Amino acid sequence: MADTDERPTVKLVVHCRRCHGWLLSPRSIAEGIGPTCAIRERAEQRAAAAGEWALFDIAA
């Protein structure tokens, strides 16, 4: 008979709303975004609020 400790582990995973990568931490899952993408998103929001140009805006 199989030992009960050999059962697979199940984790809740969600995709990041920005890069669609896997989110595993409870905080990232709750926020819907990973830590790196959150930093980039906040920087873009600050730049947009200040009326600054981003590198990708210039190329477009």
PDB file of N, CA and C in Angstrom:
ATOM      1  N   MET A   1       0.829  -1.171   0.000  1.00  0.00           N
ATOM      2  CA  MET A   1       0.000   0.000   0.000  1.00  0.00           C
ATOM      3  C   MET A   1       0.886   1.251   0.000  1.00  0.00           C
ATOM      4  N   ALA A   2       0.428   2.315  -0.680  1.00  0.00           N
ATOM      5  CA  ALA A   2       1.213   3.539  -0.808  1.00  0.00           C
ATOM      6  C   ALA A   2       1.215   4.326   0.494  1.00  0.00           C
ATOM      7  N   ASP A   3       2.339   4.917   0.776  1.00  0.00           N
ATOM      8  CA  ASP A   3       2.475   5.767   1.955  1.00  0.00           C
ATOM      9  C   ASP A   3       1.753   7.093   1.697  1.00  0.00           C
ATOM     10  N   THR A   4       1.057   7.639   2.672  1.00  0.00           N
ATOM     11  CA  THR A   4       0.300   8.883   2.488  1.00  0.00           C
ATOM     12  C   THR A   4       1.199  10.095   2.279  1.00  0.00           C
ATOM     13  N   ASP A   5       2.473  10.022   2.633  1.00  0.00           N
ATOM     14  CA  ASP A   5       3.395  11.136   2.441  1.00  0.00           C
ATOM     15  C   ASP A   5       3.837  11.274   0.985  1.00  0.00           C
ATOM     16  N   GLU A   6       3.471  10.341   0.135  1.00  0.00           N
ATOM     17  CA  GLU A   6       3.883  10.377  -1.270  1.00  0.00           C
ATOM     18  C   GLU A   6       2.859  11.081  -2.159  1.00  0.00           C
ATOM     19  N   ARG A   7       1.863  11.724  -1.558  1.00  0.00           N
ATOM     20  CA  ARG A   7       0.872  12.439  -2.351  1.00  0.00           C
ATOM     21  C   ARG A   7       1.502  13.682  -2.974  1.00  0.00           C
ATOM     22  N   PRO A   8       1.046  14.077  -4.163  1.00  0.00           N
ATOM     23  CA  PRO A   8       1.598  15.285  -4.782  1.00  0.00           C
ATOM     24  C   PRO A   8       1.188  16.537  -4.012  1.00  0.00           C
ATOM     25  N   THR A   9       2.030  17.556  -4.081  1.00  0.00           N
ATOM     26  CA  THR A   9       1.750  18.838  -3.453  1.00  0.00           C
ATOM     27  C   THR A   9       0.998  19.703  -4.446  1.00  0.00           C
ATOM     28  N   VAL A  10      -0.049  20.345  -4.002  1.00  0.00           N
ATOM     29  CA  VAL A  10      -0.846  21.213  -4.863  1.00  0.00           C
ATOM     30  C   VAL A  10      -0.670  22.644  -4.374  1.00  0.00           C
ATOM     31  N   LYS A  11      -0.355  23.553  -5.315  1.00  0.00           N
ATOM     32  CA  LYS A  11      -0.194  24.967  -4.976  1.00  0.00           C
ATOM     33  C   LYS A  11      -1.092  25.793  -5.890  1.00  0.00           C
ATOM     34  N   LEU A  12      -1.597  26.899  -5.363  1.00  0.00           N
ATOM     35  CA  LEU A  12      -2.358  27.840  -6.157  1.00  0.00           C
ATOM     36  C   LEU A  12      -1.365  28.715  -6.908  1.00  0.00           C
ATOM     37  N   VAL A  13      -1.516  28.780  -8.210  1.00  0.00           N
ATOM     38  CA  VAL A  13      -0.656  29.644  -9.018  1.00  0.00           C
ATOM     39  C   VAL A  13      -1.534  30.507  -9.912  1.00  0.00           C
ATOM     40  N   VAL A  14      -1.069  31.696 -10.158  1.00  0.00           N
ATOM     41  CA  VAL A  14      -1.799  32.673 -10.954  1.00  0.00           C
ATOM     42  C   VAL A  14      -0.806  33.315 -11.909  1.00  0.00           C
ATOM     43  N   HIS A  15      -1.282  33.819 -13.028  1.00  0.00           N
ATOM     44  CA  HIS A  15      -0.430  34.533 -13.978  1.00  0.00           C
ATOM     45  C   HIS A  15      -0.372  36.017 -13.628  1.00  0.00           C
ATOM     46  N   CYS A  16       0.801  36.601 -13.808  1.00  0.00           N
ATOM     47  CA  CYS A  16       0.998  38.034 -13.626  1.00  0.00           C
ATOM     48  C   CYS A  16       0.202  38.783 -14.688  1.00  0.00           C
ATOM     49  N   ARG A  17      -0.473  39.860 -14.295  1.00  0.00           N
ATOM     50  CA  ARG A  17      -1.291  40.615 -15.252  1.00  0.00           C
ATOM     51  C   ARG A  17      -0.444  41.381 -16.259  1.00  0.00           C
ATOM     52  N   ARG A  18       0.837  41.540 -15.967  1.00  0.00           N
ATOM     53  CA  ARG A  18       1.706  42.306 -16.858  1.00  0.00           C
ATOM     54  C   ARG A  18       2.510  41.405 -17.809  1.00  0.00           C
ATOM     55  N   CYS A  19       3.229  40.431 -17.255  1.00  0.00           N
ATOM     56  CA  CYS A  19       4.111  39.594 -18.080  1.00  0.00           C
ATOM     57  C   CYS A  19       3.581  38.181 -18.284  1.00  0.00           C
ATOM     58  N   HIS A  20       2.516  37.841 -17.585  1.00  0.00           N
ATOM     59  CA  HIS A  20       1.886  36.519 -17.656  1.00  0.00           C
ATOM     60  C   HIS A  20       2.776  35.390 -17.136  1.00  0.00           C
ATOM     61  N   GLY A  21       3.773  35.742 -16.317  1.00  0.00           N
ATOM     62  CA  GLY A  21       4.590  34.728 -15.656  1.00  0.00           C
ATOM     63  C   GLY A  21       3.823  34.144 -14.475  1.00  0.00           C
ATOM     64  N   TRP A  22       4.326  33.058 -13.942  1.00  0.00           N
ATOM     65  CA  TRP A  22       3.666  32.403 -12.811  1.00  0.00           C
ATOM     66  C   TRP A  22       3.917  33.157 -11.524  1.00  0.00           C
ATOM     67  N   LEU A  23       2.871  33.344 -10.735  1.00  0.00           N
ATOM     68  CA  LEU A  23       2.978  33.951  -9.415  1.00  0.00           C
ATOM     69  C   LEU A  23       2.774  32.862  -8.375  1.00  0.00           C
ATOM     70  N   LEU A  24       3.668  32.780  -7.413  1.00  0.00           N
ATOM     71  CA  LEU A  24       3.588  31.746  -6.394  1.00  0.00           C
ATOM     72  C   LEU A  24       3.413  32.287  -4.988  1.00  0.00           C
ATOM     73  N   SER A  25       3.923  33.470  -4.709  1.00  0.00           N
ATOM     74  CA  SER A  25       3.836  33.992  -3.337  1.00  0.00           C
ATOM     75  C   SER A  25       2.420  34.491  -3.061  1.00  0.00           C
ATOM     76  N   PRO A  26       1.965  34.351  -1.830  1.00  0.00           N
ATOM     77  CA  PRO A  26       0.614  34.807  -1.482  1.00  0.00           C
ATOM     78  C   PRO A  26       0.389  36.298  -1.753  1.00  0.00           C
ATOM     79  N   ARG A  27       1.397  37.115  -1.492  1.00  0.00           N
ATOM     80  CA  ARG A  27       1.264  38.561  -1.725  1.00  0.00           C
ATOM     81  C   ARG A  27       1.110  38.858  -3.216  1.00  0.00           C
ATOM     82  N   SER A  28       1.945  38.234  -4.049  1.00  0.00           N
ATOM     83  CA  SER A  28       1.858  38.460  -5.485  1.00  0.00           C
ATOM     84  C   SER A  28       0.523  37.975  -6.041  1.00  0.00           C
ATOM     85  N   ILE A  29       0.049  36.843  -5.552  1.00  0.00           N
ATOM     86  CA  ILE A  29      -1.238  36.317  -6.001  1.00  0.00           C
ATOM     87  C   ILE A  29      -2.353  37.286  -5.625  1.00  0.00           C
ATOM     88  N   ALA A  30      -2.310  37.830  -4.413  1.00  0.00           N
ATOM     89  CA  ALA A  30      -3.338  38.771  -3.969  1.00  0.00           C
ATOM     90  C   ALA A  30      -3.322  40.052  -4.801  1.00  0.00           C
ATOM     91  N   GLU A  31      -2.118  40.520  -5.169  1.00  0.00           N
ATOM     92  CA  GLU A  31      -1.989  41.747  -5.950  1.00  0.00           C
ATOM     93  C   GLU A  31      -2.181  41.505  -7.440  1.00  0.00           C
ATOM     94  N   GLY A  32      -1.971  40.270  -7.885  1.00  0.00           N
ATOM     95  CA  GLY A  32      -2.128  39.939  -9.301  1.00  0.00           C
ATOM     96  C   GLY A  32      -0.943  40.328 -10.160  1.00  0.00           C
ATOM     97  N   ILE A  33       0.168  40.669  -9.512  1.00  0.00           N
ATOM     98  CA  ILE A  33       1.351  41.108 -10.245  1.00  0.00           C
ATOM     99  C   ILE A  33       2.597  40.733  -9.451  1.00  0.00           C
ATOM    100  N   GLY A  34       3.668  40.374 -10.161  1.00  0.00           N
ATOM    101  CA  GLY A  34       4.919  40.008  -9.509  1.00  0.00           C
ATOM    102  C   GLY A  34       5.686  41.230  -9.034  1.00  0.00           C
ATOM    103  N   PRO A  35       6.678  41.041  -8.185  1.00  0.00           N
ATOM    104  CA  PRO A  35       7.402  42.181  -7.620  1.00  0.00           C
ATOM    105  C   PRO A  35       8.161  43.011  -8.656  1.00  0.00           C
ATOM    106  N   THR A  36       8.791  42.383  -9.627  1.00  0.00           N
ATOM    107  CA  THR A  36       9.528  43.125 -10.653  1.00  0.00           C
ATOM    108  C   THR A  36       8.578  43.921 -11.528  1.00  0.00           C
ATOM    109  N   CYS A  37       7.488  43.303 -11.939  1.00  0.00           N
ATOM    110  CA  CYS A  37       6.502  43.996 -12.770  1.00  0.00           C
ATOM    111  C   CYS A  37       5.828  45.120 -11.995  1.00  0.00           C
ATOM    112  N   ALA A  38       5.624  44.947 -10.696  1.00  0.00           N
ATOM    113  CA  ALA A  38       5.011  45.995  -9.876  1.00  0.00           C
ATOM    114  C   ALA A  38       5.913  47.221  -9.813  1.00  0.00           C
ATOM    115  N   ILE A  39       7.212  47.014  -9.681  1.00  0.00           N
ATOM    116  CA  ILE A  39       8.165  48.134  -9.663  1.00  0.00           C
ATOM    117  C   ILE A  39       8.120  48.872 -10.986  1.00  0.00           C
ATOM    118  N   ARG A  40       8.136  48.142 -12.081  1.00  0.00           N
ATOM    119  CA  ARG A  40       8.099  48.767 -13.408  1.00  0.00           C
ATOM    120  C   ARG A  40       6.777  49.501 -13.647  1.00  0.00           C
ATOM    121  N   GLU A  41       5.693  48.903 -13.195  1.00  0.00           N
ATOM    122  CA  GLU A  41       4.381  49.528 -13.377  1.00  0.00           C
ATOM    123  C   GLU A  41       4.277  50.832 -12.591  1.00  0.00           C
ATOM    124  N   ARG A  42       4.768  50.838 -11.347  1.00  0.00           N
ATOM    125  CA  ARG A  42       4.743  52.058 -10.546  1.00  0.00           C
ATOM    126  C   ARG A  42       5.613  53.149 -11.173  1.00  0.00           C
ATOM    127  N   ALA A  43       6.772  52.771 -11.712  1.00  0.00           N
ATOM    128  CA  ALA A  43       7.659  53.747 -12.353  1.00  0.00           C
ATOM    129  C   ALA A  43       6.980  54.355 -13.580  1.00  0.00           C
ATOM    130  N   GLU A  44       6.275  53.540 -14.352  1.00  0.00           N
ATOM    131  CA  GLU A  44       5.567  54.052 -15.528  1.00  0.00           C
ATOM    132  C   GLU A  44       4.425  54.977 -15.121  1.00  0.00           C
ATOM    133  N   GLN A  45       3.727  54.640 -14.036  1.00  0.00           N
ATOM    134  CA  GLN A  45       2.630  55.481 -13.566  1.00  0.00           C
ATOM    135  C   GLN A  45       3.146  56.830 -13.071  1.00  0.00           C
ATOM    136  N   ARG A  46       4.289  56.821 -12.354  1.00  0.00           N
ATOM    137  CA  ARG A  46       4.885  58.081 -11.891  1.00  0.00           C
ATOM    138  C   ARG A  46       5.324  58.939 -13.069  1.00  0.00           C
ATOM    139  N   ALA A  47       5.916  58.317 -14.078  1.00  0.00           N
ATOM    140  CA  ALA A  47       6.377  59.054 -15.255  1.00  0.00           C
ATOM    141  C   ALA A  47       5.191  59.643 -16.017  1.00  0.00           C
ATOM    142  N   ALA A  48       4.111  58.888 -16.138  1.00  0.00           N
ATOM    143  CA  ALA A  48       2.928  59.377 -16.839  1.00  0.00           C
ATOM    144  C   ALA A  48       2.290  60.540 -16.077  1.00  0.00           C
ATOM    145  N   ALA A  49       2.268  60.452 -14.752  1.00  0.00           N
ATOM    146  CA  ALA A  49       1.680  61.515 -13.941  1.00  0.00           C
ATOM    147  C   ALA A  49       2.512  62.794 -14.017  1.00  0.00           C
ATOM    148  N   ALA A  50       3.818  62.640 -14.181  1.00  0.00           N
ATOM    149  CA  ALA A  50       4.708  63.800 -14.239  1.00  0.00           C
ATOM    150  C   ALA A  50       4.827  64.342 -15.664  1.00  0.00           C
ATOM    151  N   GLY A  51       4.229  63.654 -16.624  1.00  0.00           N
ATOM    152  CA  GLY A  51       4.308  64.093 -18.016  1.00  0.00           C
ATOM    153  C   GLY A  51       5.649  63.809 -18.655  1.00  0.00           C
ATOM    154  N   GLU A  52       6.401  62.863 -18.125  1.00  0.00           N
ATOM    155  CA  GLU A  52       7.711  62.529 -18.663  1.00  0.00           C
ATOM    156  C   GLU A  52       7.565  61.529 -19.800  1.00  0.00           C
ATOM    157  N   TRP A  53       8.568  61.510 -20.659  1.00  0.00           N
ATOM    158  CA  TRP A  53       8.606  60.547 -21.761  1.00  0.00           C
ATOM    159  C   TRP A  53       9.373  59.320 -21.325  1.00  0.00           C
ATOM    160  N   ALA A  54       8.881  58.160 -21.709  1.00  0.00           N
ATOM    161  CA  ALA A  54       9.609  56.914 -21.473  1.00  0.00           C
ATOM    162  C   ALA A  54      10.360  56.553 -22.737  1.00  0.00           C
ATOM    163  N   LEU A  55      11.367  55.738 -22.615  1.00  0.00           N
ATOM    164  CA  LEU A  55      12.171  55.344 -23.768  1.00  0.00           C
ATOM    165  C   LEU A  55      11.307  54.733 -24.867  1.00  0.00           C
ATOM    166  N   PHE A  56      10.327  53.922 -24.493  1.00  0.00           N
ATOM    167  CA  PHE A  56       9.498  53.266 -25.496  1.00  0.00           C
ATOM    168  C   PHE A  56       8.519  54.221 -26.133  1.00  0.00           C
ATOM    169  N   ASP A  57       8.165  55.310 -25.480  1.00  0.00           N
ATOM    170  CA  ASP A  57       7.290  56.328 -26.068  1.00  0.00           C
ATOM    171  C   ASP A  57       8.001  57.070 -27.186  1.00  0.00           C
ATOM    172  N   ILE A  58       9.277  57.299 -27.021  1.00  0.00           N
ATOM    173  CA  ILE A  58      10.049  58.033 -28.024  1.00  0.00           C
ATOM    174  C   ILE A  58      10.157  57.212 -29.312  1.00  0.00           C
ATOM    175  N   ALA A  59      10.383  55.903 -29.178  1.00  0.00           N
ATOM    176  CA  ALA A  59      10.530  55.043 -30.341  1.00  0.00           C
ATOM    177  C   ALA A  59       9.230  54.907 -31.124  1.00  0.00           C
ATOM    178  N   ALA A  60       8.113  55.009 -30.447  1.00  0.00           N
ATOM    179  CA  ALA A  60       6.812  54.870 -31.123  1.00  0.00           C
ATOM    180  C   ALA A  60       6.494  56.147 -31.829  1.00  0.00           C
TER     181      ALA A  60
END
